[in-house]
């Protein structure tokens, strides 16, 4: 009976040691991932469409975030878009 107890204690100690080694590895600071530069700026990877597409490019076009719009200082989307892309023409 004492042999089984010793074996169980040794096994438990080994598991504790292995788990603490795995936790210590996760505690190290990982380098920050930098945002990848898109290969094709007109390739949209996220769209509102549920149509399946082959490859990463779900559609083509331009996409602007809310932060992009705010950085222009314009108060309306119609005023902000020509500032973001001069090829866009907005008629009022």
C-alpha atoms as a PDB file:
ATOM      1  CA  UNK A   1       0.000   0.000   0.000  1.00  0.00           C
ATOM      2  CA  UNK A   2       2.843   2.407   0.796  1.00  0.00           C
ATOM      3  CA  UNK A   3       4.389   1.703  -2.637  1.00  0.00           C
ATOM      4  CA  UNK A   4       1.156   2.815  -4.337  1.00  0.00           C
ATOM      5  CA  UNK A   5       1.065   5.926  -2.156  1.00  0.00           C
ATOM      6  CA  UNK A   6       4.661   6.787  -3.074  1.00  0.00           C
ATOM      7  CA  UNK A   7       3.960   6.207  -6.767  1.00  0.00           C
ATOM      8  CA  UNK A   8       0.840   8.398  -6.599  1.00  0.00           C
ATOM      9  CA  UNK A   9       2.789  11.136  -4.798  1.00  0.00           C
ATOM     10  CA  UNK A  10       5.591  10.970  -7.374  1.00  0.00           C
ATOM     11  CA  UNK A  11       3.060  11.115 -10.216  1.00  0.00           C
ATOM     12  CA  UNK A  12       1.267  14.073  -8.601  1.00  0.00           C
ATOM     13  CA  UNK A  13       4.578  15.890  -8.094  1.00  0.00           C
ATOM     14  CA  UNK A  14       5.499  15.300 -11.727  1.00  0.00           C
ATOM     15  CA  UNK A  15       2.138  16.639 -12.938  1.00  0.00           C
ATOM     16  CA  UNK A  16       2.451  19.710 -10.729  1.00  0.00           C
ATOM     17  CA  UNK A  17       5.974  20.338 -12.017  1.00  0.00           C
ATOM     18  CA  UNK A  18       4.900  19.937 -15.648  1.00  0.00           C
ATOM     19  CA  UNK A  19       1.885  22.224 -15.254  1.00  0.00           C
ATOM     20  CA  UNK A  20       3.930  24.919 -13.516  1.00  0.00           C
ATOM     21  CA  UNK A  21       6.476  24.792 -16.350  1.00  0.00           C
ATOM     22  CA  UNK A  22       3.690  25.255 -18.889  1.00  0.00           C
ATOM     23  CA  UNK A  23       2.222  28.181 -16.932  1.00  0.00           C
ATOM     24  CA  UNK A  24       5.632  29.833 -16.580  1.00  0.00           C
ATOM     25  CA  UNK A  25       6.079  29.685 -20.364  1.00  0.00           C
ATOM     26  CA  UNK A  26       2.800  31.558 -20.870  1.00  0.00           C
ATOM     27  CA  UNK A  27       3.834  34.235 -18.370  1.00  0.00           C
ATOM     28  CA  UNK A  28       6.617  35.509 -20.645  1.00  0.00           C
ATOM     29  CA  UNK A  29       5.825  38.687 -22.535  1.00  0.00           C
ATOM     30  CA  UNK A  30       5.057  37.945 -26.153  1.00  0.00           C
ATOM     31  CA  UNK A  31       6.104  40.408 -28.825  1.00  0.00           C
ATOM     32  CA  UNK A  32       3.341  42.600 -30.205  1.00  0.00           C
ATOM     33  CA  UNK A  33       2.091  41.574 -33.613  1.00  0.00           C
ATOM     34  CA  UNK A  34       2.169  44.425 -36.041  1.00  0.00           C
ATOM     35  CA  UNK A  35      -0.752  44.906 -38.354  1.00  0.00           C
ATOM     36  CA  UNK A  36      -0.105  43.259 -41.656  1.00  0.00           C
ATOM     37  CA  UNK A  37      -0.084  45.522 -44.655  1.00  0.00           C
ATOM     38  CA  UNK A  38      -2.752  44.332 -47.050  1.00  0.00           C
ATOM     39  CA  UNK A  39      -1.377  42.953 -50.312  1.00  0.00           C
ATOM     40  CA  UNK A  40      -4.149  44.528 -52.372  1.00  0.00           C
ATOM     41  CA  UNK A  41      -5.788  47.605 -50.813  1.00  0.00           C
ATOM     42  CA  UNK A  42      -8.947  47.140 -52.893  1.00  0.00           C
ATOM     43  CA  UNK A  43      -9.467  43.595 -51.558  1.00  0.00           C
ATOM     44  CA  UNK A  44     -12.188  43.488 -48.920  1.00  0.00           C
ATOM     45  CA  UNK A  45     -11.893  40.567 -46.508  1.00  0.00           C
ATOM     46  CA  UNK A  46     -15.121  41.341 -44.628  1.00  0.00           C
ATOM     47  CA  UNK A  47     -18.380  42.156 -46.333  1.00  0.00           C
ATOM     48  CA  UNK A  48     -22.037  42.026 -45.377  1.00  0.00           C
ATOM     49  CA  UNK A  49     -22.639  39.319 -47.937  1.00  0.00           C
ATOM     50  CA  UNK A  50     -23.099  35.707 -46.950  1.00  0.00           C
ATOM     51  CA  UNK A  51     -22.129  34.520 -50.405  1.00  0.00           C
ATOM     52  CA  UNK A  52     -19.143  32.212 -50.127  1.00  0.00           C
ATOM     53  CA  UNK A  53     -16.055  33.255 -52.034  1.00  0.00           C
ATOM     54  CA  UNK A  54     -12.869  31.392 -52.776  1.00  0.00           C
ATOM     55  CA  UNK A  55      -9.742  32.882 -51.253  1.00  0.00           C
ATOM     56  CA  UNK A  56      -9.345  35.736 -48.798  1.00  0.00           C
ATOM     57  CA  UNK A  57     -10.741  38.468 -51.044  1.00  0.00           C
ATOM     58  CA  UNK A  58     -14.534  38.542 -50.569  1.00  0.00           C
ATOM     59  CA  UNK A  59     -15.032  41.578 -52.759  1.00  0.00           C
ATOM     60  CA  UNK A  60     -13.312  44.587 -54.239  1.00  0.00           C
ATOM     61  CA  UNK A  61     -13.736  48.213 -53.323  1.00  0.00           C
ATOM     62  CA  UNK A  62     -12.740  50.663 -50.648  1.00  0.00           C
ATOM     63  CA  UNK A  63     -13.511  50.561 -46.959  1.00  0.00           C
ATOM     64  CA  UNK A  64     -13.239  53.365 -44.429  1.00  0.00           C
ATOM     65  CA  UNK A  65     -13.637  53.050 -40.679  1.00  0.00           C
ATOM     66  CA  UNK A  66     -15.422  55.426 -38.353  1.00  0.00           C
ATOM     67  CA  UNK A  67     -12.011  56.581 -37.103  1.00  0.00           C
ATOM     68  CA  UNK A  68     -10.965  57.385 -40.682  1.00  0.00           C
ATOM     69  CA  UNK A  69     -14.068  59.549 -41.061  1.00  0.00           C
ATOM     70  CA  UNK A  70     -13.471  61.346 -37.750  1.00  0.00           C
ATOM     71  CA  UNK A  71      -9.833  62.113 -38.584  1.00  0.00           C
ATOM     72  CA  UNK A  72     -10.928  64.167 -41.589  1.00  0.00           C
ATOM     73  CA  UNK A  73     -12.714  66.657 -39.330  1.00  0.00           C
ATOM     74  CA  UNK A  74     -15.729  66.687 -41.647  1.00  0.00           C
ATOM     75  CA  UNK A  75     -19.183  66.668 -40.073  1.00  0.00           C
ATOM     76  CA  UNK A  76     -20.931  64.580 -42.739  1.00  0.00           C
ATOM     77  CA  UNK A  77     -20.030  61.490 -44.718  1.00  0.00           C
ATOM     78  CA  UNK A  78     -20.512  63.429 -47.957  1.00  0.00           C
ATOM     79  CA  UNK A  79     -17.839  65.888 -46.873  1.00  0.00           C
ATOM     80  CA  UNK A  80     -15.469  63.227 -45.492  1.00  0.00           C
ATOM     81  CA  UNK A  81     -15.372  60.862 -48.474  1.00  0.00           C
ATOM     82  CA  UNK A  82     -13.783  63.304 -50.964  1.00  0.00           C
ATOM     83  CA  UNK A  83     -11.135  64.076 -48.344  1.00  0.00           C
ATOM     84  CA  UNK A  84     -10.351  60.377 -47.901  1.00  0.00           C
ATOM     85  CA  UNK A  85     -10.299  59.625 -51.622  1.00  0.00           C
ATOM     86  CA  UNK A  86     -10.097  62.463 -54.145  1.00  0.00           C
ATOM     87  CA  UNK A  87     -11.514  60.209 -56.893  1.00  0.00           C
ATOM     88  CA  UNK A  88     -14.893  60.213 -55.105  1.00  0.00           C
ATOM     89  CA  UNK A  89     -17.275  62.938 -56.211  1.00  0.00           C
ATOM     90  CA  UNK A  90     -20.272  63.796 -54.028  1.00  0.00           C
ATOM     91  CA  UNK A  91     -23.076  65.870 -55.568  1.00  0.00           C
ATOM     92  CA  UNK A  92     -25.235  67.839 -53.139  1.00  0.00           C
END
